[in-house]
Amino acid sequence: MIRALLSALFTMLAQGFFARFSSEVGTLVWLAIAFVAAIVEVSVPHFGSAFVSAGAIVAAAAAFMGFGIPTQIGTFVVVMIVSLVMLRSRLVQQIGGPGVPSRTSALLGRHGVVTHDIDPVVGAGRVNVGGEDWAARSAEAIPVGVKVRVNGADGIVLEVTRA
């Protein structure tokens, strides 16, 4: 009888120790994943690893509270996907800024002079706008010396019409 009680007590203590040990190890593993993902995010900022890190931190909390591995993984996946879907586009928009400025946007509406005939068939021609030489095209043929107005741009090719 005493032997059975001691055996049951030892089994309960061993199970409790194993549960605490696995909870602590699981917590540390999830925190290590979060740490590595944070380092990757800082090294290569693309707003993807930050969400892995967030999911791993929440999964570490689940492990610390004693939840099983399926619950930890489920928590990790749900937090990662929800935060990715809900936050990534907003963060990229706010932090990313407007992007690389266009060299041609400042030329819209300005006037220039044709320096090489503009041929709509070939799509070739050159204009001088603001003291700079630009490739240009137009829907109509425009000879050298004619004053033109910049209406748009396709990359670095200005789209012009007679002024």
Protein backbone atom coordinates (compact mmCIF):
# COMPACT_ATOMS: atom_id res chain seq x y z
CA MET A 1 0.00 0.00 0.00
CA ILE A 2 2.74 2.48 0.96
CA ARG A 3 4.72 1.34 -2.00
CA ALA A 4 1.78 2.05 -4.32
CA LEU A 5 1.32 5.52 -2.77
CA LEU A 6 5.03 6.31 -3.14
CA SER A 7 4.95 5.09 -6.73
CA ALA A 8 1.89 7.24 -7.50
CA LEU A 9 3.49 10.26 -5.79
CA PHE A 10 6.72 9.77 -7.71
CA THR A 11 4.78 9.43 -10.99
CA MET A 12 2.85 12.66 -10.27
CA LEU A 13 6.07 14.51 -9.42
CA ALA A 14 7.79 13.20 -12.53
CA GLN A 15 4.85 14.18 -14.72
CA GLY A 16 4.72 17.64 -13.14
CA PHE A 17 8.46 18.06 -13.64
CA PHE A 18 8.21 16.91 -17.25
CA ALA A 19 5.27 19.25 -17.90
CA ARG A 20 7.16 22.22 -16.41
CA PHE A 21 10.33 21.25 -18.24
CA SER A 22 8.60 20.87 -21.61
CA SER A 23 6.76 24.16 -21.01
CA GLU A 24 10.03 25.97 -20.33
CA VAL A 25 11.83 24.36 -23.26
CA GLY A 26 8.91 25.16 -25.58
CA THR A 27 8.92 28.76 -24.38
CA LEU A 28 12.65 29.07 -25.00
CA VAL A 29 12.40 27.50 -28.45
CA TRP A 30 9.62 29.91 -29.48
CA LEU A 31 11.57 32.87 -28.10
CA ALA A 32 14.64 31.73 -30.04
CA ILE A 33 12.54 31.60 -33.24
CA ALA A 34 11.24 35.10 -32.48
CA PHE A 35 14.78 36.37 -31.90
CA VAL A 36 16.12 34.88 -35.15
CA ALA A 37 13.15 36.27 -37.11
CA ALA A 38 13.76 39.72 -35.58
CA ILE A 39 17.42 39.60 -36.61
CA VAL A 40 16.43 38.60 -40.16
CA GLU A 41 13.90 41.46 -40.27
CA VAL A 42 16.50 44.01 -39.21
CA SER A 43 19.04 42.61 -41.68
CA VAL A 44 16.67 42.36 -44.64
CA PRO A 45 13.74 44.72 -44.03
CA HIS A 46 10.84 43.41 -46.06
CA PHE A 47 8.14 43.27 -43.37
CA GLY A 48 7.73 39.52 -43.38
CA SER A 49 9.90 38.21 -40.61
CA ALA A 50 8.43 40.68 -38.11
CA PHE A 51 5.15 38.78 -38.30
CA VAL A 52 6.92 35.46 -37.76
CA SER A 53 8.49 37.03 -34.68
CA ALA A 54 5.09 38.23 -33.39
CA GLY A 55 3.56 34.79 -33.89
CA ALA A 56 6.48 33.12 -32.13
CA ILE A 57 6.17 35.44 -29.12
CA VAL A 58 2.47 34.61 -28.73
CA ALA A 59 3.26 30.90 -29.16
CA ALA A 60 5.93 31.26 -26.44
CA ALA A 61 3.27 32.71 -24.14
CA ALA A 62 1.03 29.72 -24.92
CA ALA A 63 3.90 27.34 -24.15
CA PHE A 64 4.62 29.16 -20.89
CA MET A 65 0.98 28.75 -19.85
CA GLY A 66 1.28 25.01 -20.44
CA PHE A 67 -0.69 24.55 -23.66
CA GLY A 68 0.28 21.63 -25.88
CA ILE A 69 2.33 21.74 -29.06
CA PRO A 70 -0.69 21.69 -31.43
CA THR A 71 -2.14 24.71 -29.64
CA GLN A 72 1.21 26.50 -29.76
CA ILE A 73 1.59 25.88 -33.49
CA GLY A 74 -2.02 26.89 -34.14
CA THR A 75 -1.54 30.09 -32.17
CA PHE A 76 1.67 30.83 -34.06
CA VAL A 77 0.01 30.34 -37.46
CA VAL A 78 -3.13 32.33 -36.62
CA VAL A 79 -1.25 35.32 -35.14
CA MET A 80 1.28 35.34 -37.97
CA ILE A 81 -1.33 35.21 -40.75
CA VAL A 82 -3.77 37.66 -39.14
CA SER A 83 -1.05 40.21 -38.39
CA LEU A 84 0.42 39.76 -41.86
CA VAL A 85 -2.92 40.31 -43.58
CA MET A 86 -4.08 43.15 -41.32
CA LEU A 87 -0.87 45.12 -40.84
CA ARG A 88 1.67 44.55 -43.61
CA SER A 89 0.11 46.76 -46.29
CA ARG A 90 -0.45 49.59 -43.80
CA LEU A 91 3.11 49.44 -42.51
CA VAL A 92 4.63 49.32 -45.98
CA GLN A 93 2.47 52.29 -47.00
CA GLN A 94 3.40 54.39 -43.96
CA ILE A 95 7.07 53.54 -43.72
CA GLY A 96 7.82 52.94 -47.40
CA GLY A 97 7.00 56.45 -48.53
CA PRO A 98 6.23 57.52 -52.08
CA GLY A 99 9.13 55.64 -53.66
CA VAL A 100 11.67 56.91 -56.14
CA PRO A 101 10.71 60.31 -57.54
CA SER A 102 10.21 60.59 -61.28
CA ARG A 103 12.72 62.68 -63.21
CA THR A 104 10.08 63.60 -65.76
CA SER A 105 7.18 64.66 -63.50
CA ALA A 106 8.66 68.16 -63.06
CA LEU A 107 8.64 68.62 -66.85
CA LEU A 108 4.90 68.13 -67.35
CA GLY A 109 3.34 71.27 -68.79
CA ARG A 110 6.68 72.90 -69.61
CA HIS A 111 7.67 74.09 -73.05
CA GLY A 112 10.65 73.08 -75.11
CA VAL A 113 12.11 73.15 -78.61
CA VAL A 114 12.50 70.22 -81.01
CA THR A 115 16.22 69.55 -81.68
CA HIS A 116 15.80 66.44 -83.90
CA ASP A 117 12.72 65.83 -86.04
CA ILE A 118 9.97 63.92 -84.23
CA ASP A 119 8.72 61.09 -86.42
CA PRO A 120 5.53 59.38 -85.15
CA VAL A 121 6.08 56.34 -87.38
CA VAL A 122 9.53 55.55 -86.00
CA GLY A 123 8.82 57.08 -82.61
CA ALA A 124 12.09 59.00 -82.63
CA GLY A 125 12.90 62.60 -81.92
CA ARG A 126 14.64 64.89 -79.43
CA VAL A 127 13.61 68.02 -77.59
CA ASN A 128 15.32 70.51 -75.32
CA VAL A 129 13.31 71.28 -72.20
CA GLY A 130 14.76 73.46 -69.46
CA GLY A 131 18.25 73.21 -70.94
CA GLU A 132 18.21 69.40 -70.98
CA ASP A 133 18.07 67.09 -73.99
CA TRP A 134 15.27 64.49 -73.91
CA ALA A 135 13.99 61.77 -76.19
CA ALA A 136 10.51 62.65 -77.39
CA ARG A 137 7.59 61.32 -79.37
CA SER A 138 4.37 62.75 -80.70
CA ALA A 139 1.28 61.65 -82.58
CA GLU A 140 2.22 64.08 -85.40
CA ALA A 141 5.45 64.82 -87.21
CA ILE A 142 7.18 67.90 -85.78
CA PRO A 143 10.24 69.44 -87.49
CA VAL A 144 13.33 70.94 -85.83
CA GLY A 145 12.89 74.35 -84.21
CA VAL A 146 9.17 74.07 -83.42
CA LYS A 147 8.10 74.93 -79.90
CA VAL A 148 6.41 72.02 -78.09
CA ARG A 149 4.63 71.37 -74.80
CA VAL A 150 5.28 68.30 -72.60
CA ASN A 151 1.99 66.45 -71.99
CA GLY A 152 3.28 63.25 -70.46
CA ALA A 153 6.14 60.82 -70.16
CA ASP A 154 6.70 57.14 -70.76
CA GLY A 155 9.75 56.38 -68.67
CA ILE A 156 12.32 58.89 -69.90
CA VAL A 157 10.64 59.55 -73.25
CA LEU A 158 8.61 62.75 -73.23
CA GLU A 159 5.26 62.86 -74.99
CA VAL A 160 4.88 66.25 -76.64
CA THR A 161 2.47 68.30 -78.80
CA ARG A 162 2.92 71.55 -80.67
CA ALA A 163 2.71 74.51 -78.32
